[in-house]
Structures are given as structure tokens and as C-alpha cells.
Amino acid sequence: MRRLYLLRHTSIKVATGVCYGQSEVELSETYEQERDAVKTLLSAVLFHKIYTSPLKRCRILAGDINVNRTEVVIDNRLMELDFGKWEMKRWDDIYKTEYSKQWFADYVNVACPEGESYSDLLARVSGFIESLEQECNSCNFLVVTHGGVIKAFRSMVLGITPQKAFESSIGFGQVTVLDINN
């Protein structure tokens, strides 16, 4: 059994209500305190490998908490949903568009304008999970990623619908532990 420690990046400098998805954004002023809290939380766990989204809010955190010099692998499949034209726009403005009504009615299958659908994200996460089959059979892996990606992992590993996975919130710096059976 492989144990995944899914870590959402720490808080960021983006105004509340802004869609940021795959946009590069700055870490918040509280980054060092949040990073230290995560380090303490994970200090007793030895990781076989650390995987991270290439976005700097994840990549920096992965490097900073890697006290044992574990191999860190950047993997594009761990990026947040690509919101396309909606990136860095206010959700209040997005909600007013006609297209958003279609997307919110079926975000699993309908892609964001010039972006992805949640099915696209699920396919990326599925491919990542499948690639772990080549890894150590009974090891711990740290995955530094994003809230939407963690919900996709929960959906696939726990066998719940994406809608059910979205009912729970994933806080900044929160760790979700999932076991993947062979």
C-alpha cells in the first residue's frame, strides 16, 4: 500500500473572490509561519519521494520542507485546474456570464473558456496515480499541490463523485492522507 500525503500549498496574496487556478501568484506574508507549521506536522514521516506542482506556490514549499533531502519531482499533472480566460478574474464577474451557467451546471464535462473541464483534471490525476504503480510498494509519498487536485485524488481514491469531493473544503497548508492499494 502506498500512502499519499496530499499537501495544499500555503496561503497566497490574491484577493478573496479571485479565480487564480494555474496563474503564478505570490505567497502570503505568513508563509514562513505556515511553512514551519507544515514542517512540524510532517516531521515524523519519512517520504520515499516528494512530488510537486510546478507552480511556485507549491514548488517553493516542497523545497523548503524537504529536510531529509528526499528527491523532489516536478509534475505538471499536479497543477490546479486551468480556468483559461477566467484566470485572475473575479468570481462575481464570472458568474454574470452566460457561459458560466453552462459550466456551473456541468463543470465535470464542460471546459472553462480556453481551459479545462474537471474531467480533464481527473484524467491528469488518474495518470499520476497509475504512474505510482512503478514506485515503491509500501512507501510514503508527499504530493504538494492544489485544492482542486486534492479533491480529484479524493474522488478517484475514495470512489466518490466529484460533486461529493467538492463538499469538503481543503484549507491552505492542510494535509490529506490517502492510501492507494495495489
Protein backbone atom coordinates (compact mmCIF):
# COMPACT_ATOMS: atom_id res chain seq x y z
CA MET A 1 0.00 0.00 0.00
CA ARG A 2 1.26 3.44 -0.94
CA ARG A 3 0.39 6.27 1.44
CA LEU A 4 -0.08 9.70 -0.11
CA TYR A 5 0.25 12.83 1.98
CA LEU A 6 -1.51 15.43 -0.13
CA LEU A 7 -0.46 18.91 0.97
CA ARG A 8 -2.24 22.01 -0.28
CA HIS A 9 0.06 24.99 -0.72
CA THR A 10 0.08 27.69 1.94
CA SER A 11 -1.93 30.90 1.66
CA ILE A 12 -1.29 33.36 -1.14
CA LYS A 13 -1.51 37.08 -1.94
CA VAL A 14 -4.69 37.05 -4.00
CA ALA A 15 -7.81 39.00 -3.15
CA THR A 16 -10.71 36.92 -1.89
CA GLY A 17 -13.09 36.05 -4.70
CA VAL A 18 -10.48 35.94 -7.48
CA CYS A 19 -10.11 32.83 -9.68
CA TYR A 20 -6.38 32.08 -9.90
CA GLY A 21 -6.13 28.41 -11.00
CA GLN A 22 -2.84 27.95 -12.87
CA SER A 23 -1.75 31.58 -12.57
CA GLU A 24 1.54 32.27 -10.80
CA VAL A 25 0.74 34.15 -7.61
CA GLU A 26 2.80 35.32 -4.65
CA LEU A 27 2.96 33.61 -1.27
CA SER A 28 1.37 35.50 1.63
CA GLU A 29 3.25 37.38 4.34
CA THR A 30 2.54 34.48 6.72
CA TYR A 31 4.38 31.97 4.53
CA GLU A 32 7.23 31.28 6.96
CA GLN A 33 4.88 30.56 9.88
CA GLU A 34 2.65 28.35 7.72
CA ARG A 35 5.69 26.54 6.28
CA ASP A 36 7.06 25.89 9.78
CA ALA A 37 3.68 24.52 10.92
CA VAL A 38 3.62 22.12 7.95
CA LYS A 39 7.24 21.07 8.66
CA THR A 40 6.31 20.26 12.26
CA LEU A 41 3.18 18.38 11.18
CA LEU A 42 5.13 16.18 8.75
CA SER A 43 8.38 15.89 10.73
CA ALA A 44 7.78 12.30 11.86
CA VAL A 45 7.09 10.98 8.35
CA LEU A 46 9.86 9.67 6.10
CA PHE A 47 9.00 10.16 2.42
CA HIS A 48 10.23 7.96 -0.40
CA LYS A 49 9.73 10.84 -2.85
CA ILE A 50 8.17 14.29 -2.97
CA TYR A 51 6.06 15.29 -5.96
CA THR A 52 5.05 18.87 -6.59
CA SER A 53 3.08 21.02 -8.96
CA PRO A 54 5.41 23.25 -11.00
CA LEU A 55 3.62 26.38 -9.80
CA LYS A 56 5.90 28.27 -7.43
CA ARG A 57 3.43 28.32 -4.53
CA CYS A 58 3.87 24.52 -4.40
CA ARG A 59 7.44 24.18 -5.68
CA ILE A 60 8.87 26.59 -3.07
CA LEU A 61 7.00 24.86 -0.25
CA ALA A 62 8.15 21.41 -1.39
CA GLY A 63 11.78 22.53 -1.36
CA ASP A 64 11.53 24.35 1.96
CA ILE A 65 10.01 21.45 3.91
CA ASN A 66 12.34 18.84 2.42
CA VAL A 67 14.59 18.45 5.45
CA ASN A 68 15.74 14.91 4.57
CA ARG A 69 16.89 15.82 1.05
CA THR A 70 14.33 13.50 -0.49
CA GLU A 71 14.10 13.53 -4.27
CA VAL A 72 11.66 16.24 -5.41
CA VAL A 73 9.91 15.62 -8.73
CA ILE A 74 8.04 18.42 -10.52
CA ASP A 75 4.97 17.00 -12.24
CA ASN A 76 2.66 19.09 -14.46
CA ARG A 77 -0.23 16.69 -13.79
CA LEU A 78 -0.40 18.16 -10.27
CA MET A 79 -1.27 21.68 -11.47
CA GLU A 80 -4.59 23.21 -10.49
CA LEU A 81 -7.48 23.28 -12.95
CA ASP A 82 -6.79 25.55 -15.94
CA PHE A 83 -9.55 28.15 -15.77
CA GLY A 84 -8.46 29.62 -19.12
CA LYS A 85 -9.91 33.09 -19.75
CA TRP A 86 -11.28 33.19 -16.21
CA GLU A 87 -7.82 33.21 -14.61
CA MET A 88 -7.32 36.25 -12.33
CA LYS A 89 -10.90 37.44 -12.84
CA ARG A 90 -13.35 37.98 -10.00
CA TRP A 91 -15.81 35.12 -9.49
CA ASP A 92 -18.60 37.70 -9.18
CA ASP A 93 -17.86 38.81 -12.76
CA ILE A 94 -17.53 35.23 -14.00
CA TYR A 95 -20.94 34.31 -12.51
CA LYS A 96 -22.57 37.00 -14.65
CA THR A 97 -21.51 35.43 -17.96
CA GLU A 98 -23.81 33.17 -19.96
CA TYR A 99 -21.08 30.56 -20.39
CA SER A 100 -20.57 30.25 -16.64
CA LYS A 101 -24.14 28.97 -16.29
CA GLN A 102 -23.26 26.01 -18.54
CA TRP A 103 -20.01 25.40 -16.69
CA PHE A 104 -21.54 25.53 -13.21
CA ALA A 105 -24.33 23.20 -14.35
CA ASP A 106 -21.78 20.60 -15.52
CA TYR A 107 -18.20 21.59 -14.57
CA VAL A 108 -17.18 17.93 -14.73
CA ASN A 109 -17.71 17.82 -18.52
CA VAL A 110 -17.78 21.45 -19.66
CA ALA A 111 -14.39 23.14 -20.04
CA CYS A 112 -13.68 26.65 -18.85
CA PRO A 113 -13.28 29.02 -21.83
CA GLU A 114 -9.86 28.14 -23.29
CA GLY A 115 -9.24 26.00 -20.20
CA GLU A 116 -10.10 22.57 -18.81
CA SER A 117 -13.09 20.65 -17.55
CA TYR A 118 -12.90 18.76 -14.28
CA SER A 119 -12.79 15.54 -16.34
CA ASP A 120 -9.51 16.80 -17.79
CA LEU A 121 -8.14 17.29 -14.29
CA LEU A 122 -9.39 13.85 -13.22
CA ALA A 123 -7.59 12.31 -16.21
CA ARG A 124 -4.33 14.02 -15.16
CA VAL A 125 -4.68 12.75 -11.59
CA SER A 126 -5.57 9.26 -12.83
CA GLY A 127 -2.39 9.20 -14.90
CA PHE A 128 -0.36 10.31 -11.89
CA ILE A 129 -1.88 7.58 -9.70
CA GLU A 130 -1.17 4.97 -12.37
CA SER A 131 2.46 6.10 -12.58
CA LEU A 132 2.86 5.44 -8.85
CA GLU A 133 2.36 1.73 -9.57
CA GLN A 134 6.01 1.76 -10.72
CA GLU A 135 7.13 3.20 -7.38
CA CYS A 136 7.94 1.67 -4.01
CA ASN A 137 5.12 -0.66 -2.97
CA SER A 138 4.79 0.33 0.69
CA CYS A 139 6.16 3.85 0.89
CA ASN A 140 5.04 7.31 1.86
CA PHE A 141 4.82 10.00 -0.82
CA LEU A 142 4.36 13.71 -0.28
CA VAL A 143 2.36 15.47 -3.00
CA VAL A 144 2.43 19.29 -2.80
CA THR A 145 -0.45 20.53 -4.89
CA HIS A 146 -3.74 22.47 -5.00
CA GLY A 147 -7.22 22.19 -3.52
CA GLY A 148 -8.93 21.10 -6.74
CA VAL A 149 -6.30 18.44 -7.36
CA ILE A 150 -6.66 17.07 -3.83
CA LYS A 151 -10.41 16.84 -4.37
CA ALA A 152 -9.73 14.91 -7.60
CA PHE A 153 -7.49 12.49 -5.66
CA ARG A 154 -10.25 12.05 -3.06
CA SER A 155 -12.81 11.38 -5.78
CA MET A 156 -10.67 8.75 -7.51
CA VAL A 157 -9.13 7.00 -4.49
CA LEU A 158 -12.24 7.01 -2.30
CA GLY A 159 -14.58 6.27 -5.21
CA ILE A 160 -16.81 9.27 -4.58
CA THR A 161 -18.31 11.61 -7.15
CA PRO A 162 -16.52 14.88 -7.93
CA GLN A 163 -19.57 16.66 -6.58
CA LYS A 164 -19.25 14.82 -3.25
CA ALA A 165 -15.50 15.53 -3.15
CA PHE A 166 -16.26 19.24 -3.57
CA GLU A 167 -18.47 19.26 -0.47
CA SER A 168 -15.39 19.36 1.75
CA SER A 169 -13.04 22.30 1.78
CA ILE A 170 -9.26 21.92 1.70
CA GLY A 171 -7.52 24.63 3.70
CA PHE A 172 -4.19 26.24 2.89
CA GLY A 173 -1.40 24.08 4.33
CA GLN A 174 -3.83 21.22 5.04
CA VAL A 175 -2.63 17.62 4.71
CA THR A 176 -4.97 14.91 3.43
CA VAL A 177 -3.77 11.32 3.80
CA LEU A 178 -4.95 8.66 1.33
CA ASP A 179 -3.88 5.05 0.91
CA ILE A 180 -3.61 3.57 -2.57
CA ASN A 181 -3.97 -0.19 -2.62
CA ASN A 182 -2.39 -2.28 -5.35
